[in-house]
Amino acid sequence: MVLVKEMIDNEILKNCPFCMGRGEISEYSKNQYTIVCGNCGVETVPRLTIKEAVESWNCRAYELLHELIQEYAMMGYSRAETLSALKK
């Protein structure tokens, strides 16, 4: 567990989206994990696996939105049309 934890902490986790601090894996309870910012303390919802906790921590809404806008643009939609469609 320690080797996996160090590898994930050092190479896979993005910086905290709020303060740019370093995220760390935390065992929330038996068989539940969260990622906690070592600087500001923000954390993910507990997940059943380390992988799920890392995916949750690394997910950024603005990145997903940017990808959707690009996909809609490739289909010929304007940015305004895309944002309007996403609101529905």
Protein backbone atom coordinates (compact mmCIF):
# COMPACT_ATOMS: atom_id res chain seq x y z
CA MET A 1 0.00 0.00 0.00
CA VAL A 2 2.78 2.46 0.84
CA LEU A 3 4.51 2.07 -2.55
CA VAL A 4 1.23 2.46 -4.43
CA LYS A 5 0.31 5.45 -2.28
CA GLU A 6 3.65 7.18 -2.91
CA MET A 7 3.45 6.49 -6.66
CA ILE A 8 -0.06 7.89 -6.89
CA ASP A 9 0.68 10.88 -4.64
CA ASN A 10 3.79 11.83 -6.62
CA GLU A 11 2.83 11.11 -10.21
CA ILE A 12 -0.88 10.92 -10.81
CA LEU A 13 -2.68 13.37 -8.51
CA LYS A 14 -3.37 16.83 -9.84
CA ASN A 15 -2.85 19.82 -7.59
CA CYS A 16 -5.80 21.03 -5.51
CA PRO A 17 -8.22 22.99 -7.70
CA PHE A 18 -8.71 25.57 -4.95
CA CYS A 19 -5.25 26.32 -3.56
CA MET A 20 -2.89 24.31 -5.84
CA GLY A 21 -1.76 22.32 -2.78
CA ARG A 22 -0.66 18.70 -2.96
CA GLY A 23 -3.34 16.00 -2.71
CA GLU A 24 -2.72 12.97 -0.52
CA ILE A 25 -4.48 9.61 -0.27
CA SER A 26 -6.29 9.08 3.00
CA GLU A 27 -7.98 5.94 4.28
CA TYR A 28 -11.38 7.32 5.32
CA SER A 29 -12.54 4.09 6.90
CA LYS A 30 -11.98 0.40 6.26
CA ASN A 31 -12.05 -0.03 2.47
CA GLN A 32 -12.92 3.62 1.77
CA TYR A 33 -10.49 6.22 0.49
CA THR A 34 -10.47 9.97 -0.07
CA ILE A 35 -7.94 12.41 -1.46
CA VAL A 36 -7.23 15.31 0.89
CA CYS A 37 -5.38 18.54 0.12
CA GLY A 38 -2.42 18.81 2.46
CA ASN A 39 -2.71 22.60 2.39
CA CYS A 40 -6.38 23.64 2.60
CA GLY A 41 -7.95 20.34 3.72
CA VAL A 42 -10.56 19.99 0.98
CA GLU A 43 -11.30 16.32 0.25
CA THR A 44 -13.22 14.05 -2.06
CA VAL A 45 -16.26 12.02 -1.15
CA PRO A 46 -15.16 8.60 0.19
CA ARG A 47 -14.70 6.00 -2.57
CA LEU A 48 -14.38 2.22 -2.43
CA THR A 49 -11.02 2.08 -4.22
CA ILE A 50 -7.94 4.27 -4.42
CA LYS A 51 -8.41 4.42 -8.19
CA GLU A 52 -11.94 5.84 -7.81
CA ALA A 53 -10.72 8.40 -5.27
CA VAL A 54 -7.94 9.51 -7.63
CA GLU A 55 -10.37 9.78 -10.57
CA SER A 56 -12.73 11.84 -8.44
CA TRP A 57 -9.92 14.16 -7.28
CA ASN A 58 -8.54 14.63 -10.79
CA CYS A 59 -11.93 15.34 -12.41
CA ARG A 60 -12.30 19.02 -13.25
CA ALA A 61 -15.66 20.31 -14.43
CA TYR A 62 -14.09 23.00 -16.60
CA GLU A 63 -12.03 20.37 -18.44
CA LEU A 64 -15.15 18.34 -19.16
CA LEU A 65 -16.97 21.46 -20.36
CA HIS A 66 -14.05 22.39 -22.63
CA GLU A 67 -14.10 18.89 -24.17
CA LEU A 68 -17.85 19.12 -24.79
CA ILE A 69 -17.51 22.54 -26.42
CA GLN A 70 -14.81 21.15 -28.72
CA GLU A 71 -16.96 18.15 -29.65
CA TYR A 72 -19.95 20.38 -30.44
CA ALA A 73 -17.71 22.72 -32.46
CA MET A 74 -16.58 19.75 -34.57
CA MET A 75 -20.28 19.11 -35.31
CA GLY A 76 -20.70 22.72 -36.48
CA TYR A 77 -22.29 24.25 -33.38
CA SER A 78 -21.27 27.69 -32.17
CA ARG A 79 -20.10 28.17 -28.58
CA ALA A 80 -23.41 29.91 -27.72
CA GLU A 81 -25.44 27.06 -29.25
CA THR A 82 -23.39 24.51 -27.35
CA LEU A 83 -23.82 26.24 -23.99
CA SER A 84 -27.56 26.61 -24.66
CA ALA A 85 -27.87 22.90 -25.47
CA LEU A 86 -25.95 21.92 -22.33
CA LYS A 87 -28.30 23.94 -20.12
CA LYS A 88 -31.27 21.82 -21.21
